[in-house]
């Protein structure tokens, strides 16, 4: 995700959307998008990366709670719900338990800006951690493939582990490829009955 947060505000009423537009100034939050329905919010979420989704309830003819729960299960984007005072007292604990932060309306400009900043920062850290986890998983998969190639050379060709290791390194050097790519080639060749 970008260093400048992209915020999507879902509000199906012109007046709250206008107020939120003023409360989230573009100098602090340069990319603030608005959607008037869950359908248009879904389109925006499919089209671009969004750091934070702010849902201003109530939504006409749509279930804001159901949509919020769906988004909360994904981890991306981050989420903030704005609830009327009565609904806040009824729903806040249940929503927060489901991982959905909520703020009661009316809300001050300072409170909204602070909450949005905190949530955008947290979301960016989550995304960075997810990328690092994916990189680590990919590296672990590569290590497993390399180990499998060595094991196949030992089992099918009767080579010692050191010879299999040297062959893998030499193949990678000769073909100007990574050990992972060389290992995939070796596995494919040996599993198809070929020789090295």
Foldseek 3Di string as FASTA:
>chain_A
DDPQAAEEEEAQDPVVVVVVPVLCDCVNRVHYHYDNDPVVVVVVVVVDAHQEYEYEDDHPPDDPLVSQLVCLVVLGHAYEYEEEPVVCVVCQVVCVVSVYHYDYPPDDSVVVVVVVVVSSVVSVVVVVVVVVVVVVVVVVVLVVLLVVLLVLCCVVVVDDSVVSVVVLVVQCVVVVHDSSVSSVVSVVQVVVPHDD
